Each structure stands twice: as C-alpha cells, then as structure tokens.
Amino acid sequence: MDKYRLTDHARKRMAEREISMRDVELALENPDIIQPSFDQRKIFAKFIRNKRLEVVTVSKENEIIIVTVYYAD
C-alpha cells in the first residue's frame, strides 16, 4: 500500500466495521461517486455487496491519507 496512508482512526474503524483494505482500494481506484467534503477532503463512494462504502480522504503532498471508512446508511 504505497500510495495510501491509513490514519490510526481509519485503521480502527475498518477493524470495527469489518471493512477490508481490498474494498477500500476498490473504492479509491474505481469509485462510483467522488464528492467534495470539508477542509479539502474528498469522499470516494463505491457500492460493494449492495452497501455504499465511503472512504474519506485528504491529499497531502504526494500521498492520499485515509481519514475514515464507513458504510453509509
């Protein structure tokens, strides 16, 4: 995982919500939707197994930092 960096928060939420790194990468590399968020963050959304996975990111220099990950209601 060279191009992405997970925050501790994102890592914890992935474990709690049983979200795999593979699914996160799918959302980032082939999103169904990309929408802006606050503080120059972006939300990458991907429908996986009939659920909308959202990955919140912020770009810093040459890396994408994954802030949090969740399934939207």
C-alpha atoms as a PDB file:
ATOM      1  CA  MET A   1       0.000   0.000   0.000  1.00  0.00           C
ATOM      2  CA  ASP A   2       2.427   2.647  -1.199  1.00  0.00           C
ATOM      3  CA  LYS A   3       0.051   5.345  -2.418  1.00  0.00           C
ATOM      4  CA  TYR A   4      -2.256   5.458   0.602  1.00  0.00           C
ATOM      5  CA  ARG A   5      -1.656   6.073   4.276  1.00  0.00           C
ATOM      6  CA  LEU A   6      -4.203   4.993   6.869  1.00  0.00           C
ATOM      7  CA  THR A   7      -4.710   7.081   9.976  1.00  0.00           C
ATOM      8  CA  ASP A   8      -4.996   5.185  13.254  1.00  0.00           C
ATOM      9  CA  HIS A   9      -8.648   6.226  13.319  1.00  0.00           C
ATOM     10  CA  ALA A  10      -9.296   4.717   9.870  1.00  0.00           C
ATOM     11  CA  ARG A  11      -7.493   1.511  10.834  1.00  0.00           C
ATOM     12  CA  LYS A  12      -9.652   1.155  13.978  1.00  0.00           C
ATOM     13  CA  ARG A  13     -12.883   1.846  12.092  1.00  0.00           C
ATOM     14  CA  MET A  14     -12.011  -0.703   9.409  1.00  0.00           C
ATOM     15  CA  ALA A  15     -11.478  -3.346  12.086  1.00  0.00           C
ATOM     16  CA  GLU A  16     -14.681  -2.431  13.955  1.00  0.00           C
ATOM     17  CA  ARG A  17     -16.744  -2.398  10.767  1.00  0.00           C
ATOM     18  CA  GLU A  18     -15.039  -5.402   9.167  1.00  0.00           C
ATOM     19  CA  ILE A  19     -14.013  -3.443   6.066  1.00  0.00           C
ATOM     20  CA  SER A  20     -11.105  -4.924   4.118  1.00  0.00           C
ATOM     21  CA  MET A  21      -8.216  -2.988   2.628  1.00  0.00           C
ATOM     22  CA  ARG A  22      -9.143  -4.517  -0.723  1.00  0.00           C
ATOM     23  CA  ASP A  23     -12.604  -2.919  -0.556  1.00  0.00           C
ATOM     24  CA  VAL A  24     -11.058   0.430   0.429  1.00  0.00           C
ATOM     25  CA  GLU A  25      -8.689   0.195  -2.546  1.00  0.00           C
ATOM     26  CA  LEU A  26     -11.614  -0.640  -4.861  1.00  0.00           C
ATOM     27  CA  ALA A  27     -13.414   2.494  -3.688  1.00  0.00           C
ATOM     28  CA  LEU A  28     -10.335   4.641  -4.216  1.00  0.00           C
ATOM     29  CA  GLU A  29      -9.256   3.183  -7.561  1.00  0.00           C
ATOM     30  CA  ASN A  30     -12.681   2.740  -9.154  1.00  0.00           C
ATOM     31  CA  PRO A  31     -15.248   4.857  -7.279  1.00  0.00           C
ATOM     32  CA  ASP A  32     -18.888   5.104  -8.271  1.00  0.00           C
ATOM     33  CA  ILE A  33     -19.020   8.623  -6.829  1.00  0.00           C
ATOM     34  CA  ILE A  34     -16.456  11.217  -5.728  1.00  0.00           C
ATOM     35  CA  GLN A  35     -17.760  14.153  -3.762  1.00  0.00           C
ATOM     36  CA  PRO A  36     -16.074  17.071  -2.009  1.00  0.00           C
ATOM     37  CA  SER A  37     -16.216  17.367   1.750  1.00  0.00           C
ATOM     38  CA  PHE A  38     -14.987  19.953   4.249  1.00  0.00           C
ATOM     39  CA  ASP A  39     -11.325  21.006   4.712  1.00  0.00           C
ATOM     40  CA  GLN A  40     -10.419  19.884   1.176  1.00  0.00           C
ATOM     41  CA  ARG A  41     -11.382  16.303   1.939  1.00  0.00           C
ATOM     42  CA  LYS A  42     -12.935  14.002  -0.630  1.00  0.00           C
ATOM     43  CA  ILE A  43     -15.346  11.128  -0.187  1.00  0.00           C
ATOM     44  CA  PHE A  44     -14.880   8.170  -2.514  1.00  0.00           C
ATOM     45  CA  ALA A  45     -18.005   6.009  -2.598  1.00  0.00           C
ATOM     46  CA  LYS A  46     -18.333   2.507  -4.016  1.00  0.00           C
ATOM     47  CA  PHE A  47     -21.284   0.128  -3.927  1.00  0.00           C
ATOM     48  CA  ILE A  48     -19.963  -3.205  -2.665  1.00  0.00           C
ATOM     49  CA  ARG A  49     -22.259  -6.142  -1.871  1.00  0.00           C
ATOM     50  CA  ASN A  50     -25.310  -3.831  -2.013  1.00  0.00           C
ATOM     51  CA  LYS A  51     -23.819  -1.417   0.536  1.00  0.00           C
ATOM     52  CA  ARG A  52     -22.352   2.028  -0.073  1.00  0.00           C
ATOM     53  CA  LEU A  53     -18.789   2.104   1.222  1.00  0.00           C
ATOM     54  CA  GLU A  54     -17.440   5.623   1.807  1.00  0.00           C
ATOM     55  CA  VAL A  55     -13.756   6.401   2.172  1.00  0.00           C
ATOM     56  CA  VAL A  56     -12.905   9.897   3.415  1.00  0.00           C
ATOM     57  CA  THR A  57      -9.517  11.158   2.260  1.00  0.00           C
ATOM     58  CA  VAL A  58      -7.300  14.206   2.289  1.00  0.00           C
ATOM     59  CA  SER A  59      -4.379  14.748  -0.093  1.00  0.00           C
ATOM     60  CA  LYS A  60      -1.058  15.919   1.305  1.00  0.00           C
ATOM     61  CA  GLU A  61       1.899  16.363  -0.999  1.00  0.00           C
ATOM     62  CA  ASN A  62       2.241  13.071  -2.905  1.00  0.00           C
ATOM     63  CA  GLU A  63       0.066  10.837  -0.778  1.00  0.00           C
ATOM     64  CA  ILE A  64      -3.579  10.189  -0.056  1.00  0.00           C
ATOM     65  CA  ILE A  65      -4.378   9.965   3.629  1.00  0.00           C
ATOM     66  CA  ILE A  66      -7.388   7.821   4.516  1.00  0.00           C
ATOM     67  CA  VAL A  67      -9.142   9.642   7.360  1.00  0.00           C
ATOM     68  CA  THR A  68     -12.046   7.255   7.985  1.00  0.00           C
ATOM     69  CA  VAL A  69     -14.042   4.463   6.351  1.00  0.00           C
ATOM     70  CA  TYR A  70     -17.695   3.517   6.827  1.00  0.00           C
ATOM     71  CA  TYR A  71     -20.819   2.102   5.238  1.00  0.00           C
ATOM     72  CA  ALA A  72     -23.382   4.838   4.603  1.00  0.00           C
ATOM     73  CA  ASP A  73     -26.953   4.210   5.696  1.00  0.00           C
END
